[in-house]
Amino acid sequence: MKIFTLFILLIFTLIACNEEKKPTAVDNVVEVGQVKDATYDGAEVEEASSASTQDTFAAESADNDEASEDDSTAHDSINFEKYAVEVQKVVQKAPLDFSSYPDAKFFRTRIIDGYKSNEIDFGGHYIGTIFGCGASCIMGFMVDVRDGKVYDLPLGEQNMCMWDLGKAISNPDSRLFISSICKKDEESQTPYYIAYVWNEENKVFEIVSTDEFIIKN
């Protein structure tokens, strides 16, 4: 009888020990103070939210990978030569100057990467970088290779349209920037343009009407 009683006690002891060793939900919680190197400067927020990126001024709408005849006609009708400039030869790009546009610091990663990898693609001496800012929305900046100063591009929600044939269109040797080529609706055969000309002296984009740059047949 003693042996049987000892055997029962041994079994209960083993069960109790196993219960104590089982991990609880609390065991898997990591305190905030234990996480190291979790700080960021704001640039990474933009990185995570920009699922759709386009790092060139030749950015096209994601829906226009296969351009239709109407799309090609709309592009070919743009007279970039009216605002022609000479493309400068770059021996060495100037260091980026974020102090020239403090708000650009929130997109440091995009701007730095684009500036290092891209070539002059606008206005004779500017390098641009463009990235997504939501459904059908793009935004971006351009950098002057001569002094590294950063400028905003005329993009974003205020320069987009529901039915577009193209976005962010420019040439390296022109000051004309086409923010969007639009249609009034899906069936429309007549495009209209949201366009700007870069004023080099005042360092601003000035809106320009379609009649100023369209090649008429």
Protein backbone atom coordinates (compact mmCIF):
# COMPACT_ATOMS: atom_id res chain seq x y z
CA MET A 1 0.00 0.00 0.00
CA LYS A 2 2.87 2.40 0.80
CA ILE A 3 4.45 1.72 -2.56
CA PHE A 4 1.16 2.45 -4.35
CA THR A 5 0.74 5.71 -2.42
CA LEU A 6 4.29 6.82 -3.23
CA PHE A 7 3.69 5.99 -6.91
CA ILE A 8 0.55 8.18 -6.98
CA LEU A 9 2.40 11.08 -5.31
CA LEU A 10 5.22 10.78 -7.85
CA ILE A 11 2.77 11.03 -10.74
CA PHE A 12 1.10 14.16 -9.29
CA THR A 13 4.53 15.75 -8.73
CA LEU A 14 5.54 15.20 -12.37
CA ILE A 15 2.27 16.67 -13.65
CA ALA A 16 2.67 19.75 -11.46
CA CYS A 17 6.22 20.35 -12.71
CA ASN A 18 5.17 20.14 -16.36
CA GLU A 19 2.38 22.65 -15.77
CA GLU A 20 4.86 25.15 -14.32
CA LYS A 21 7.13 24.87 -17.36
CA LYS A 22 4.41 25.66 -19.93
CA PRO A 23 4.96 29.14 -21.47
CA THR A 24 2.21 31.67 -21.10
CA ALA A 25 1.30 34.55 -23.45
CA VAL A 26 3.26 36.89 -21.23
CA ASP A 27 6.46 34.94 -21.89
CA ASN A 28 6.33 36.00 -25.57
CA VAL A 29 5.83 39.75 -24.97
CA VAL A 30 8.84 41.97 -25.74
CA GLU A 31 8.93 45.20 -23.82
CA VAL A 32 9.34 48.36 -25.90
CA GLY A 33 12.44 49.25 -23.94
CA GLN A 34 14.14 46.05 -25.11
CA VAL A 35 14.00 46.97 -28.80
CA LYS A 36 17.27 48.49 -30.01
CA ASP A 37 17.92 50.80 -33.00
CA ALA A 38 14.22 51.32 -33.67
CA THR A 39 14.46 55.05 -34.38
CA TYR A 40 13.91 56.61 -37.84
CA ASP A 41 14.18 60.11 -39.31
CA GLY A 42 10.91 60.11 -41.28
CA ALA A 43 12.37 59.07 -44.63
CA GLU A 44 11.51 55.42 -44.09
CA VAL A 45 7.82 56.22 -43.67
CA GLU A 46 7.66 57.26 -47.28
CA GLU A 47 9.61 54.15 -48.33
CA ALA A 48 7.07 51.79 -46.80
CA SER A 49 4.02 53.57 -48.21
CA SER A 50 5.25 53.85 -51.79
CA ALA A 51 4.37 50.44 -53.13
CA SER A 52 4.34 51.78 -56.69
CA THR A 53 7.49 53.70 -57.58
CA GLN A 54 8.76 55.38 -60.72
CA ASP A 55 12.26 56.81 -60.56
CA THR A 56 12.41 58.68 -63.87
CA PHE A 57 10.76 61.66 -65.52
CA ALA A 58 9.68 59.34 -68.33
CA ALA A 59 7.16 57.82 -65.93
CA GLU A 60 4.03 56.48 -67.57
CA SER A 61 0.69 55.49 -66.11
CA ALA A 62 0.71 51.87 -64.92
CA ASP A 63 -2.34 51.31 -67.11
CA ASN A 64 -0.49 52.39 -70.24
CA ASP A 65 2.23 49.77 -70.64
CA GLU A 66 0.90 49.05 -74.12
CA ALA A 67 0.29 52.48 -75.63
CA SER A 68 -2.65 52.81 -77.99
CA GLU A 69 -2.60 54.86 -81.19
CA ASP A 70 -4.40 57.68 -79.37
CA ASP A 71 -1.73 57.66 -76.66
CA SER A 72 1.09 57.87 -79.20
CA THR A 73 -0.62 60.71 -81.04
CA ALA A 74 -1.03 62.66 -77.80
CA HIS A 75 2.68 62.24 -77.05
CA ASP A 76 3.86 63.07 -80.55
CA SER A 77 1.83 66.28 -80.60
CA ILE A 78 3.91 67.87 -77.82
CA ASN A 79 6.36 70.53 -79.06
CA PHE A 80 9.21 70.24 -76.55
CA GLU A 81 11.54 72.14 -78.87
CA LYS A 82 9.67 75.39 -78.27
CA TYR A 83 11.24 75.49 -74.80
CA ALA A 84 14.57 73.97 -75.78
CA VAL A 85 17.70 74.28 -73.64
CA GLU A 86 21.20 72.87 -73.94
CA VAL A 87 21.92 69.77 -71.88
CA GLN A 88 25.00 70.34 -69.77
CA LYS A 89 27.79 67.82 -69.55
CA VAL A 90 28.18 66.68 -65.97
CA VAL A 91 31.69 65.90 -64.77
CA GLN A 92 30.62 65.60 -61.14
CA LYS A 93 27.22 66.12 -59.53
CA ALA A 94 27.09 68.71 -56.76
CA PRO A 95 26.34 67.39 -53.23
CA LEU A 96 22.65 67.36 -52.36
CA ASP A 97 21.51 70.51 -50.56
CA PHE A 98 18.43 69.61 -48.49
CA SER A 99 18.55 73.00 -46.77
CA SER A 100 17.23 74.48 -50.02
CA TYR A 101 13.93 72.62 -49.50
CA PRO A 102 13.59 71.47 -45.85
CA ASP A 103 10.36 69.47 -46.45
CA ALA A 104 12.22 67.23 -48.87
CA LYS A 105 14.05 65.64 -45.93
CA PHE A 106 11.04 63.36 -45.42
CA PHE A 107 11.87 61.73 -48.76
CA ARG A 108 15.64 61.63 -48.40
CA THR A 109 16.02 58.00 -49.43
CA ARG A 110 14.14 58.41 -52.70
CA ILE A 111 15.87 61.64 -53.61
CA ILE A 112 19.36 60.38 -52.77
CA ASP A 113 18.89 57.12 -54.71
CA GLY A 114 17.39 58.87 -57.72
CA TYR A 115 20.08 61.54 -57.78
CA LYS A 116 22.87 58.98 -57.67
CA SER A 117 21.46 56.60 -60.28
CA ASN A 118 19.59 58.82 -62.76
CA GLU A 119 20.92 61.09 -65.50
CA ILE A 120 19.79 64.59 -66.48
CA ASP A 121 16.20 64.26 -67.62
CA PHE A 122 14.78 67.78 -67.54
CA GLY A 123 15.64 71.40 -68.24
CA GLY A 124 19.25 70.84 -69.27
CA HIS A 125 20.65 70.22 -65.78
CA TYR A 126 18.03 68.62 -63.53
CA ILE A 127 17.70 65.04 -62.30
CA GLY A 128 14.30 63.90 -61.10
CA THR A 129 12.89 61.14 -58.98
CA ILE A 130 9.21 60.19 -58.97
CA PHE A 131 7.27 57.80 -56.75
CA GLY A 132 3.72 56.80 -55.83
CA CYS A 133 1.53 58.75 -53.42
CA GLY A 134 -1.68 56.71 -53.61
CA ALA A 135 -3.98 55.24 -56.24
CA SER A 136 -3.06 56.74 -59.65
CA CYS A 137 -1.13 59.48 -57.84
CA ILE A 138 2.56 60.25 -58.21
CA MET A 139 4.80 62.92 -56.73
CA GLY A 140 8.45 63.81 -56.98
CA PHE A 141 11.36 66.22 -56.86
CA MET A 142 14.15 67.38 -59.11
CA VAL A 143 17.71 68.32 -58.23
CA ASP A 144 19.99 70.82 -59.96
CA VAL A 145 23.25 68.99 -60.69
CA ARG A 146 25.18 72.30 -60.54
CA ASP A 147 24.43 73.19 -56.91
CA GLY A 148 22.45 70.23 -55.49
CA LYS A 149 19.34 72.31 -54.72
CA VAL A 150 16.03 70.44 -54.53
CA TYR A 151 12.76 71.55 -56.13
CA ASP A 152 9.21 70.21 -56.03
CA LEU A 153 7.63 68.83 -59.22
CA PRO A 154 4.11 69.85 -60.32
CA LEU A 155 2.52 66.49 -59.61
CA GLY A 156 0.30 65.15 -56.81
CA GLU A 157 -3.48 65.04 -56.65
CA GLN A 158 -3.96 68.57 -58.00
CA ASN A 159 -2.21 67.60 -61.25
CA MET A 160 -3.84 64.24 -61.95
CA CYS A 161 -6.99 63.20 -63.78
CA MET A 162 -9.40 60.28 -63.78
CA TRP A 163 -8.70 59.18 -67.36
CA ASP A 164 -5.04 59.65 -68.23
CA LEU A 165 -2.91 58.77 -71.24
CA GLY A 166 0.39 59.64 -69.61
CA LYS A 167 2.06 61.29 -66.63
CA ALA A 168 5.28 63.13 -65.82
CA ILE A 169 6.52 63.54 -69.40
CA SER A 170 9.59 65.63 -70.17
CA ASN A 171 12.78 65.80 -72.20
CA PRO A 172 16.34 66.44 -70.97
CA ASP A 173 16.69 69.37 -73.42
CA SER A 174 13.39 71.16 -72.69
CA ARG A 175 11.82 73.26 -69.92
CA LEU A 176 8.34 71.93 -70.74
CA PHE A 177 6.92 69.51 -68.17
CA ILE A 178 3.69 67.60 -68.87
CA SER A 179 2.13 66.63 -65.56
CA SER A 180 -0.71 64.66 -67.18
CA ILE A 181 -2.31 63.93 -70.54
CA CYS A 182 -6.01 63.49 -69.82
CA LYS A 183 -9.33 62.50 -71.36
CA LYS A 184 -12.74 63.74 -70.21
CA ASP A 185 -14.02 60.15 -70.15
CA GLU A 186 -13.10 56.68 -71.35
CA GLU A 187 -14.66 57.16 -74.80
CA SER A 188 -13.24 60.62 -75.46
CA GLN A 189 -10.93 60.94 -78.47
CA THR A 190 -9.67 64.43 -77.63
CA PRO A 191 -6.96 64.69 -74.97
CA TYR A 192 -6.19 67.73 -72.89
CA TYR A 193 -2.95 68.52 -71.07
CA ILE A 194 -1.94 69.71 -67.61
CA ALA A 195 1.40 71.32 -68.37
CA TYR A 196 4.02 73.68 -66.96
CA VAL A 197 7.11 75.52 -68.13
CA TRP A 198 10.06 75.87 -65.78
CA ASN A 199 11.09 79.48 -65.22
CA GLU A 200 14.83 79.15 -64.72
CA GLU A 201 15.30 82.71 -63.54
CA ASN A 202 12.63 82.60 -60.82
CA LYS A 203 12.98 78.85 -60.14
CA VAL A 204 9.24 78.14 -60.41
CA PHE A 205 6.92 76.11 -62.63
CA GLU A 206 4.43 78.27 -64.52
CA ILE A 207 1.27 76.70 -65.92
CA VAL A 208 0.96 76.87 -69.70
CA SER A 209 -2.09 76.39 -71.92
CA THR A 210 -2.32 73.54 -74.42
CA ASP A 211 -2.33 75.91 -77.40
CA GLU A 212 1.17 77.07 -76.49
CA PHE A 213 2.93 73.76 -77.16
CA ILE A 214 0.71 71.46 -79.23
CA ILE A 215 1.76 70.75 -82.80
CA LYS A 216 -1.31 71.34 -84.95
CA ASN A 217 -1.80 69.30 -88.08
